[in-house]
């Protein structure tokens, strides 16, 4: 159950452009909605995970101990748990 970039495969080789939506940033939410998935839990470690975390019923931010980025600030403001590793 991993969201990843997909494209066509021809004779065992990846070919052509990647399929839309590209699951990066807001594209993660577009992908989930396209599949009819509403996540119970989303775990993210960077700013490109924000939209997915905001969509989920529960969100968890994973970050290095000293990191203070937009996702950490927003996670604190929203009361999301922050796991430092």
PDB file of N, CA and C in Angstrom:
ATOM      1  N   UNK A   1       0.823  -1.184   0.000  1.00  0.00           N
ATOM      2  CA  UNK A   1       0.000   0.000   0.000  1.00  0.00           C
ATOM      3  C   UNK A   1       0.862   1.242   0.000  1.00  0.00           C
ATOM      4  N   UNK A   2       1.575   1.390  -1.068  1.00  0.00           N
ATOM      5  CA  UNK A   2       2.493   2.508  -1.221  1.00  0.00           C
ATOM      6  C   UNK A   2       2.064   3.322  -2.426  1.00  0.00           C
ATOM      7  N   UNK A   3       2.073   4.608  -2.268  1.00  0.00           N
ATOM      8  CA  UNK A   3       1.791   5.495  -3.387  1.00  0.00           C
ATOM      9  C   UNK A   3       3.110   5.771  -4.081  1.00  0.00           C
ATOM     10  N   UNK A   4       3.133   5.567  -5.380  1.00  0.00           N
ATOM     11  CA  UNK A   4       4.361   5.833  -6.121  1.00  0.00           C
ATOM     12  C   UNK A   4       4.044   6.340  -7.516  1.00  0.00           C
ATOM     13  N   UNK A   5       5.048   6.881  -8.152  1.00  0.00           N
ATOM     14  CA  UNK A   5       4.923   7.339  -9.524  1.00  0.00           C
ATOM     15  C   UNK A   5       4.836   6.111 -10.418  1.00  0.00           C
ATOM     16  N   UNK A   6       3.916   6.138 -11.374  1.00  0.00           N
ATOM     17  CA  UNK A   6       3.770   5.023 -12.301  1.00  0.00           C
ATOM     18  C   UNK A   6       3.904   5.505 -13.740  1.00  0.00           C
ATOM     19  N   UNK A   7       4.296   4.572 -14.588  1.00  0.00           N
ATOM     20  CA  UNK A   7       4.349   4.827 -16.020  1.00  0.00           C
ATOM     21  C   UNK A   7       4.171   3.485 -16.722  1.00  0.00           C
ATOM     22  N   UNK A   8       4.119   3.501 -18.034  1.00  0.00           N
ATOM     23  CA  UNK A   8       3.957   2.279 -18.793  1.00  0.00           C
ATOM     24  C   UNK A   8       5.259   1.476 -18.768  1.00  0.00           C
ATOM     25  N   UNK A   9       5.112   0.160 -18.954  1.00  0.00           N
ATOM     26  CA  UNK A   9       6.260  -0.741 -19.029  1.00  0.00           C
ATOM     27  C   UNK A   9       6.172  -1.463 -20.365  1.00  0.00           C
ATOM     28  N   UNK A  10       7.269  -1.448 -21.110  1.00  0.00           N
ATOM     29  CA  UNK A  10       7.337  -2.117 -22.400  1.00  0.00           C
ATOM     30  C   UNK A  10       8.568  -3.007 -22.406  1.00  0.00           C
ATOM     31  N   UNK A  11       8.337  -4.299 -22.518  1.00  0.00           N
ATOM     32  CA  UNK A  11       9.422  -5.272 -22.543  1.00  0.00           C
ATOM     33  C   UNK A  11      10.350  -5.110 -21.340  1.00  0.00           C
ATOM     34  N   UNK A  12       9.751  -4.884 -20.184  1.00  0.00           N
ATOM     35  CA  UNK A  12      10.509  -4.792 -18.944  1.00  0.00           C
ATOM     36  C   UNK A  12      11.165  -3.450 -18.684  1.00  0.00           C
ATOM     37  N   UNK A  13      10.949  -2.464 -19.540  1.00  0.00           N
ATOM     38  CA  UNK A  13      11.555  -1.141 -19.360  1.00  0.00           C
ATOM     39  C   UNK A  13      10.458  -0.110 -19.117  1.00  0.00           C
ATOM     40  N   UNK A  14      10.736   0.833 -18.241  1.00  0.00           N
ATOM     41  CA  UNK A  14       9.815   1.942 -17.995  1.00  0.00           C
ATOM     42  C   UNK A  14       9.865   2.879 -19.188  1.00  0.00           C
ATOM     43  N   UNK A  15       8.690   3.192 -19.735  1.00  0.00           N
ATOM     44  CA  UNK A  15       8.657   4.034 -20.934  1.00  0.00           C
ATOM     45  C   UNK A  15       7.568   5.097 -20.803  1.00  0.00           C
ATOM     46  N   UNK A  16       7.722   6.132 -21.588  1.00  0.00           N
ATOM     47  CA  UNK A  16       6.696   7.151 -21.678  1.00  0.00           C
ATOM     48  C   UNK A  16       6.660   8.076 -20.488  1.00  0.00           C
ATOM     49  N   UNK A  17       5.729   9.011 -20.544  1.00  0.00           N
ATOM     50  CA  UNK A  17       5.581   9.954 -19.428  1.00  0.00           C
ATOM     51  C   UNK A  17       4.959   9.262 -18.215  1.00  0.00           C
ATOM     52  N   UNK A  18       5.163   9.838 -17.069  1.00  0.00           N
ATOM     53  CA  UNK A  18       4.553   9.289 -15.858  1.00  0.00           C
ATOM     54  C   UNK A  18       3.059   9.552 -15.899  1.00  0.00           C
ATOM     55  N   UNK A  19       2.303   8.685 -15.225  1.00  0.00           N
ATOM     56  CA  UNK A  19       0.855   8.822 -15.179  1.00  0.00           C
ATOM     57  C   UNK A  19       0.463   9.908 -14.187  1.00  0.00           C
ATOM     58  N   UNK A  20      -0.567  10.626 -14.536  1.00  0.00           N
ATOM     59  CA  UNK A  20      -1.125  11.659 -13.658  1.00  0.00           C
ATOM     60  C   UNK A  20      -2.197  11.047 -12.775  1.00  0.00           C
ATOM     61  N   UNK A  21      -2.451  11.537 -11.600  1.00  0.00           N
ATOM     62  CA  UNK A  21      -1.683  12.608 -10.966  1.00  0.00           C
ATOM     63  C   UNK A  21      -0.371  12.068 -10.393  1.00  0.00           C
ATOM     64  N   UNK A  22       0.650  12.897 -10.454  1.00  0.00           N
ATOM     65  CA  UNK A  22       1.933  12.532  -9.849  1.00  0.00           C
ATOM     66  C   UNK A  22       1.773  12.676  -8.342  1.00  0.00           C
ATOM     67  N   UNK A  23       2.008  11.596  -7.586  1.00  0.00           N
ATOM     68  CA  UNK A  23       1.758  11.645  -6.137  1.00  0.00           C
ATOM     69  C   UNK A  23       2.865  12.382  -5.376  1.00  0.00           C
ATOM     70  N   UNK A  24       2.868  13.695  -5.559  1.00  0.00           N
ATOM     71  CA  UNK A  24       3.841  14.557  -4.890  1.00  0.00           C
ATOM     72  C   UNK A  24       3.106  15.830  -4.495  1.00  0.00           C
ATOM     73  N   UNK A  25       3.262  16.260  -3.257  1.00  0.00           N
ATOM     74  CA  UNK A  25       2.572  17.459  -2.803  1.00  0.00           C
ATOM     75  C   UNK A  25       1.070  17.297  -2.941  1.00  0.00           C
ATOM     76  N   UNK A  26       0.383  18.279  -3.532  1.00  0.00           N
ATOM     77  CA  UNK A  26      -1.074  18.184  -3.692  1.00  0.00           C
ATOM     78  C   UNK A  26      -1.497  16.994  -4.548  1.00  0.00           C
ATOM     79  N   UNK A  27      -0.595  16.486  -5.386  1.00  0.00           N
ATOM     80  CA  UNK A  27      -0.896  15.319  -6.217  1.00  0.00           C
ATOM     81  C   UNK A  27      -1.182  14.074  -5.393  1.00  0.00           C
ATOM     82  N   UNK A  28      -0.658  14.009  -4.162  1.00  0.00           N
ATOM     83  CA  UNK A  28      -0.957  12.862  -3.289  1.00  0.00           C
ATOM     84  C   UNK A  28      -2.440  12.833  -2.949  1.00  0.00           C
ATOM     85  N   UNK A  29      -2.999  13.986  -2.650  1.00  0.00           N
ATOM     86  CA  UNK A  29      -4.424  14.070  -2.330  1.00  0.00           C
ATOM     87  C   UNK A  29      -5.247  13.755  -3.580  1.00  0.00           C
ATOM     88  N   UNK A  30      -4.838  14.278  -4.726  1.00  0.00           N
ATOM     89  CA  UNK A  30      -5.556  13.990  -5.976  1.00  0.00           C
ATOM     90  C   UNK A  30      -5.550  12.495  -6.250  1.00  0.00           C
ATOM     91  N   UNK A  31      -4.408  11.845  -6.037  1.00  0.00           N
ATOM     92  CA  UNK A  31      -4.289  10.400  -6.253  1.00  0.00           C
ATOM     93  C   UNK A  31      -5.217   9.651  -5.310  1.00  0.00           C
ATOM     94  N   UNK A  32      -5.191   9.997  -4.032  1.00  0.00           N
ATOM     95  CA  UNK A  32      -6.041   9.322  -3.054  1.00  0.00           C
ATOM     96  C   UNK A  32      -7.518   9.488  -3.390  1.00  0.00           C
ATOM     97  N   UNK A  33      -7.924  10.694  -3.744  1.00  0.00           N
ATOM     98  CA  UNK A  33      -9.322  10.944  -4.091  1.00  0.00           C
ATOM     99  C   UNK A  33      -9.711  10.184  -5.357  1.00  0.00           C
ATOM    100  N   UNK A  34      -8.807  10.125  -6.326  1.00  0.00           N
ATOM    101  CA  UNK A  34      -9.063   9.390  -7.562  1.00  0.00           C
ATOM    102  C   UNK A  34      -9.304   7.907  -7.281  1.00  0.00           C
ATOM    103  N   UNK A  35      -8.605   7.373  -6.293  1.00  0.00           N
ATOM    104  CA  UNK A  35      -8.745   5.964  -5.922  1.00  0.00           C
ATOM    105  C   UNK A  35      -9.868   5.742  -4.914  1.00  0.00           C
ATOM    106  N   UNK A  36     -10.481   6.822  -4.443  1.00  0.00           N
ATOM    107  CA  UNK A  36     -11.564   6.691  -3.462  1.00  0.00           C
ATOM    108  C   UNK A  36     -11.062   6.327  -2.080  1.00  0.00           C
ATOM    109  N   UNK A  37      -9.855   6.755  -1.761  1.00  0.00           N
ATOM    110  CA  UNK A  37      -9.228   6.413  -0.481  1.00  0.00           C
ATOM    111  C   UNK A  37      -9.222   7.635   0.435  1.00  0.00           C
ATOM    112  N   UNK A  38      -9.685   7.436   1.671  1.00  0.00           N
ATOM    113  CA  UNK A  38      -9.565   8.473   2.697  1.00  0.00           C
ATOM    114  C   UNK A  38      -8.711   7.873   3.811  1.00  0.00           C
ATOM    115  N   UNK A  39      -7.451   8.310   3.932  1.00  0.00           N
ATOM    116  CA  UNK A  39      -6.540   7.670   4.880  1.00  0.00           C
ATOM    117  C   UNK A  39      -6.930   7.887   6.345  1.00  0.00           C
ATOM    118  N   UNK A  40      -6.880   6.798   7.094  1.00  0.00           N
ATOM    119  CA  UNK A  40      -7.073   6.881   8.541  1.00  0.00           C
ATOM    120  C   UNK A  40      -5.830   7.483   9.177  1.00  0.00           C
ATOM    121  N   UNK A  41      -4.654   7.177   8.624  1.00  0.00           N
ATOM    122  CA  UNK A  41      -3.384   7.676   9.145  1.00  0.00           C
ATOM    123  C   UNK A  41      -2.477   8.022   7.987  1.00  0.00           C
ATOM    124  N   UNK A  42      -1.848   9.166   8.076  1.00  0.00           N
ATOM    125  CA  UNK A  42      -0.814   9.552   7.121  1.00  0.00           C
ATOM    126  C   UNK A  42       0.422   9.944   7.914  1.00  0.00           C
ATOM    127  N   UNK A  43       1.569   9.528   7.413  1.00  0.00           N
ATOM    128  CA  UNK A  43       2.850   9.839   8.043  1.00  0.00           C
ATOM    129  C   UNK A  43       3.680  10.594   7.019  1.00  0.00           C
ATOM    130  N   UNK A  44       4.229  11.715   7.424  1.00  0.00           N
ATOM    131  CA  UNK A  44       5.008  12.516   6.495  1.00  0.00           C
ATOM    132  C   UNK A  44       6.238  13.097   7.136  1.00  0.00           C
ATOM    133  N   UNK A  45       7.222  13.430   6.290  1.00  0.00           N
ATOM    134  CA  UNK A  45       8.472  13.965   6.811  1.00  0.00           C
ATOM    135  C   UNK A  45       8.924  15.239   6.103  1.00  0.00           C
ATOM    136  N   UNK A  46       8.093  15.777   5.243  1.00  0.00           N
ATOM    137  CA  UNK A  46       8.512  16.981   4.539  1.00  0.00           C
ATOM    138  C   UNK A  46       7.330  17.812   4.088  1.00  0.00           C
ATOM    139  N   UNK A  47       7.635  19.003   3.603  1.00  0.00           N
ATOM    140  CA  UNK A  47       6.598  19.947   3.209  1.00  0.00           C
ATOM    141  C   UNK A  47       5.678  19.387   2.124  1.00  0.00           C
ATOM    142  N   UNK A  48       6.173  18.495   1.270  1.00  0.00           N
ATOM    143  CA  UNK A  48       5.348  17.928   0.211  1.00  0.00           C
ATOM    144  C   UNK A  48       4.334  16.919   0.735  1.00  0.00           C
ATOM    145  N   UNK A  49       4.384  16.613   2.018  1.00  0.00           N
ATOM    146  CA  UNK A  49       3.423  15.699   2.639  1.00  0.00           C
ATOM    147  C   UNK A  49       2.270  16.429   3.311  1.00  0.00           C
ATOM    148  N   UNK A  50       2.338  17.745   3.389  1.00  0.00           N
ATOM    149  CA  UNK A  50       1.351  18.504   4.150  1.00  0.00           C
ATOM    150  C   UNK A  50      -0.087  18.237   3.708  1.00  0.00           C
ATOM    151  N   UNK A  51      -0.352  18.311   2.415  1.00  0.00           N
ATOM    152  CA  UNK A  51      -1.728  18.146   1.926  1.00  0.00           C
ATOM    153  C   UNK A  51      -2.287  16.776   2.299  1.00  0.00           C
ATOM    154  N   UNK A  52      -1.455  15.738   2.183  1.00  0.00           N
ATOM    155  CA  UNK A  52      -1.885  14.388   2.537  1.00  0.00           C
ATOM    156  C   UNK A  52      -2.160  14.280   4.035  1.00  0.00           C
ATOM    157  N   UNK A  53      -1.303  14.868   4.843  1.00  0.00           N
ATOM    158  CA  UNK A  53      -1.497  14.826   6.292  1.00  0.00           C
ATOM    159  C   UNK A  53      -2.786  15.558   6.682  1.00  0.00           C
ATOM    160  N   UNK A  54      -3.053  16.680   6.034  1.00  0.00           N
ATOM    161  CA  UNK A  54      -4.266  17.447   6.345  1.00  0.00           C
ATOM    162  C   UNK A  54      -5.529  16.688   5.955  1.00  0.00           C
ATOM    163  N   UNK A  55      -5.440  15.822   4.960  1.00  0.00           N
ATOM    164  CA  UNK A  55      -6.591  15.039   4.525  1.00  0.00           C
ATOM    165  C   UNK A  55      -6.908  13.886   5.482  1.00  0.00           C
ATOM    166  N   UNK A  56      -5.881  13.313   6.081  1.00  0.00           N
ATOM    167  CA  UNK A  56      -6.040  12.107   6.895  1.00  0.00           C
ATOM    168  C   UNK A  56      -6.791  12.380   8.196  1.00  0.00           C
ATOM    169  N   UNK A  57      -7.424  11.322   8.710  1.00  0.00           N
ATOM    170  CA  UNK A  57      -8.079  11.430  10.013  1.00  0.00           C
ATOM    171  C   UNK A  57      -7.061  11.700  11.110  1.00  0.00           C
ATOM    172  N   UNK A  58      -5.924  11.044  11.030  1.00  0.00           N
ATOM    173  CA  UNK A  58      -4.824  11.244  11.983  1.00  0.00           C
ATOM    174  C   UNK A  58      -3.545  11.476  11.196  1.00  0.00           C
ATOM    175  N   UNK A  59      -2.702  12.356  11.694  1.00  0.00           N
ATOM    176  CA  UNK A  59      -1.451  12.680  11.016  1.00  0.00           C
ATOM    177  C   UNK A  59      -0.287  12.534  11.982  1.00  0.00           C
ATOM    178  N   UNK A  60       0.849  12.124  11.448  1.00  0.00           N
ATOM    179  CA  UNK A  60       2.081  12.001  12.227  1.00  0.00           C
ATOM    180  C   UNK A  60       3.215  12.593  11.412  1.00  0.00           C
ATOM    181  N   UNK A  61       3.939  13.518  12.012  1.00  0.00           N
ATOM    182  CA  UNK A  61       5.105  14.122  11.380  1.00  0.00           C
ATOM    183  C   UNK A  61       6.346  13.430  11.939  1.00  0.00           C
ATOM    184  N   UNK A  62       7.223  12.978  11.042  1.00  0.00           N
ATOM    185  CA  UNK A  62       8.487  12.355  11.438  1.00  0.00           C
ATOM    186  C   UNK A  62       9.598  13.285  10.970  1.00  0.00           C
ATOM    187  N   UNK A  63      10.491  13.647  11.878  1.00  0.00           N
ATOM    188  CA  UNK A  63      11.492  14.650  11.538  1.00  0.00           C
ATOM    189  C   UNK A  63      12.759  14.450  12.371  1.00  0.00           C
ATOM    190  N   UNK A  64      13.906  14.909  11.872  1.00  0.00           N
ATOM    191  CA  UNK A  64      15.112  14.909  12.699  1.00  0.00           C
ATOM    192  C   UNK A  64      14.893  15.797  13.925  1.00  0.00           C
ATOM    193  N   UNK A  65      15.605  15.535  15.018  1.00  0.00           N
ATOM    194  CA  UNK A  65      15.372  16.259  16.276  1.00  0.00           C
ATOM    195  C   UNK A  65      15.447  17.779  16.183  1.00  0.00           C
ATOM    196  N   UNK A  66      16.348  18.305  15.400  1.00  0.00           N
ATOM    197  CA  UNK A  66      16.549  19.755  15.375  1.00  0.00           C
ATOM    198  C   UNK A  66      15.848  20.455  14.216  1.00  0.00           C
ATOM    199  N   UNK A  67      15.074  19.722  13.435  1.00  0.00           N
ATOM    200  CA  UNK A  67      14.445  20.320  12.254  1.00  0.00           C
ATOM    201  C   UNK A  67      13.303  21.247  12.657  1.00  0.00           C
ATOM    202  N   UNK A  68      13.309  22.418  12.083  1.00  0.00           N
ATOM    203  CA  UNK A  68      12.180  23.338  12.231  1.00  0.00           C
ATOM    204  C   UNK A  68      11.883  23.834  10.818  1.00  0.00           C
ATOM    205  N   UNK A  69      10.935  23.170  10.171  1.00  0.00           N
ATOM    206  CA  UNK A  69      10.540  23.561   8.827  1.00  0.00           C
ATOM    207  C   UNK A  69       9.049  23.870   8.832  1.00  0.00           C
ATOM    208  N   UNK A  70       8.509  24.179   7.691  1.00  0.00           N
ATOM    209  CA  UNK A  70       7.100  24.556   7.608  1.00  0.00           C
ATOM    210  C   UNK A  70       6.192  23.418   8.074  1.00  0.00           C
ATOM    211  N   UNK A  71       6.545  22.175   7.751  1.00  0.00           N
ATOM    212  CA  UNK A  71       5.711  21.049   8.170  1.00  0.00           C
ATOM    213  C   UNK A  71       5.709  20.908   9.690  1.00  0.00           C
ATOM    214  N   UNK A  72       6.844  21.061  10.317  1.00  0.00           N
ATOM    215  CA  UNK A  72       6.919  20.976  11.786  1.00  0.00           C
ATOM    216  C   UNK A  72       6.116  22.108  12.418  1.00  0.00           C
ATOM    217  N   UNK A  73       6.263  23.319  11.910  1.00  0.00           N
ATOM    218  CA  UNK A  73       5.503  24.455  12.452  1.00  0.00           C
ATOM    219  C   UNK A  73       4.003  24.229  12.287  1.00  0.00           C
ATOM    220  N   UNK A  74       3.597  23.787  11.110  1.00  0.00           N
ATOM    221  CA  UNK A  74       2.173  23.560  10.853  1.00  0.00           C
ATOM    222  C   UNK A  74       1.666  22.391  11.689  1.00  0.00           C
ATOM    223  N   UNK A  75       2.481  21.351  11.829  1.00  0.00           N
ATOM    224  CA  UNK A  75       2.091  20.209  12.648  1.00  0.00           C
ATOM    225  C   UNK A  75       1.869  20.609  14.098  1.00  0.00           C
ATOM    226  N   UNK A  76       2.760  21.421  14.619  1.00  0.00           N
ATOM    227  CA  UNK A  76       2.585  21.907  15.998  1.00  0.00           C
ATOM    228  C   UNK A  76       1.304  22.713  16.127  1.00  0.00           C
ATOM    229  N   UNK A  77       1.069  23.594  15.163  1.00  0.00           N
ATOM    230  CA  UNK A  77      -0.114  24.451  15.219  1.00  0.00           C
ATOM    231  C   UNK A  77      -1.399  23.621  15.156  1.00  0.00           C
ATOM    232  N   UNK A  78      -1.370  22.504  14.458  1.00  0.00           N
ATOM    233  CA  UNK A  78      -2.561  21.665  14.311  1.00  0.00           C
ATOM    234  C   UNK A  78      -2.646  20.570  15.380  1.00  0.00           C
ATOM    235  N   UNK A  79      -1.640  20.496  16.225  1.00  0.00           N
ATOM    236  CA  UNK A  79      -1.653  19.494  17.299  1.00  0.00           C
ATOM    237  C   UNK A  79      -1.327  18.096  16.831  1.00  0.00           C
ATOM    238  N   UNK A  80      -0.659  17.971  15.664  1.00  0.00           N
ATOM    239  CA  UNK A  80      -0.262  16.659  15.185  1.00  0.00           C
ATOM    240  C   UNK A  80       0.917  16.145  16.008  1.00  0.00           C
ATOM    241  N   UNK A  81       0.960  14.856  16.311  1.00  0.00           N
ATOM    242  CA  UNK A  81       2.139  14.316  16.984  1.00  0.00           C
ATOM    243  C   UNK A  81       3.368  14.472  16.094  1.00  0.00           C
ATOM    244  N   UNK A  82       4.511  14.748  16.723  1.00  0.00           N
ATOM    245  CA  UNK A  82       5.762  14.894  15.979  1.00  0.00           C
ATOM    246  C   UNK A  82       6.756  13.919  16.586  1.00  0.00           C
ATOM    247  N   UNK A  83       7.200  12.979  15.762  1.00  0.00           N
ATOM    248  CA  UNK A  83       8.173  11.968  16.179  1.00  0.00           C
ATOM    249  C   UNK A  83       9.537  12.407  15.675  1.00  0.00           C
ATOM    250  N   UNK A  84      10.474  12.571  16.585  1.00  0.00           N
ATOM    251  CA  UNK A  84      11.830  12.924  16.180  1.00  0.00           C
ATOM    252  C   UNK A  84      12.682  11.681  16.205  1.00  0.00           C
ATOM    253  N   UNK A  85      13.438  11.520  15.156  1.00  0.00           N
ATOM    254  CA  UNK A  85      14.279  10.329  15.023  1.00  0.00           C
ATOM    255  C   UNK A  85      15.682  10.705  14.618  1.00  0.00           C
TER     256      UNK A  85
END
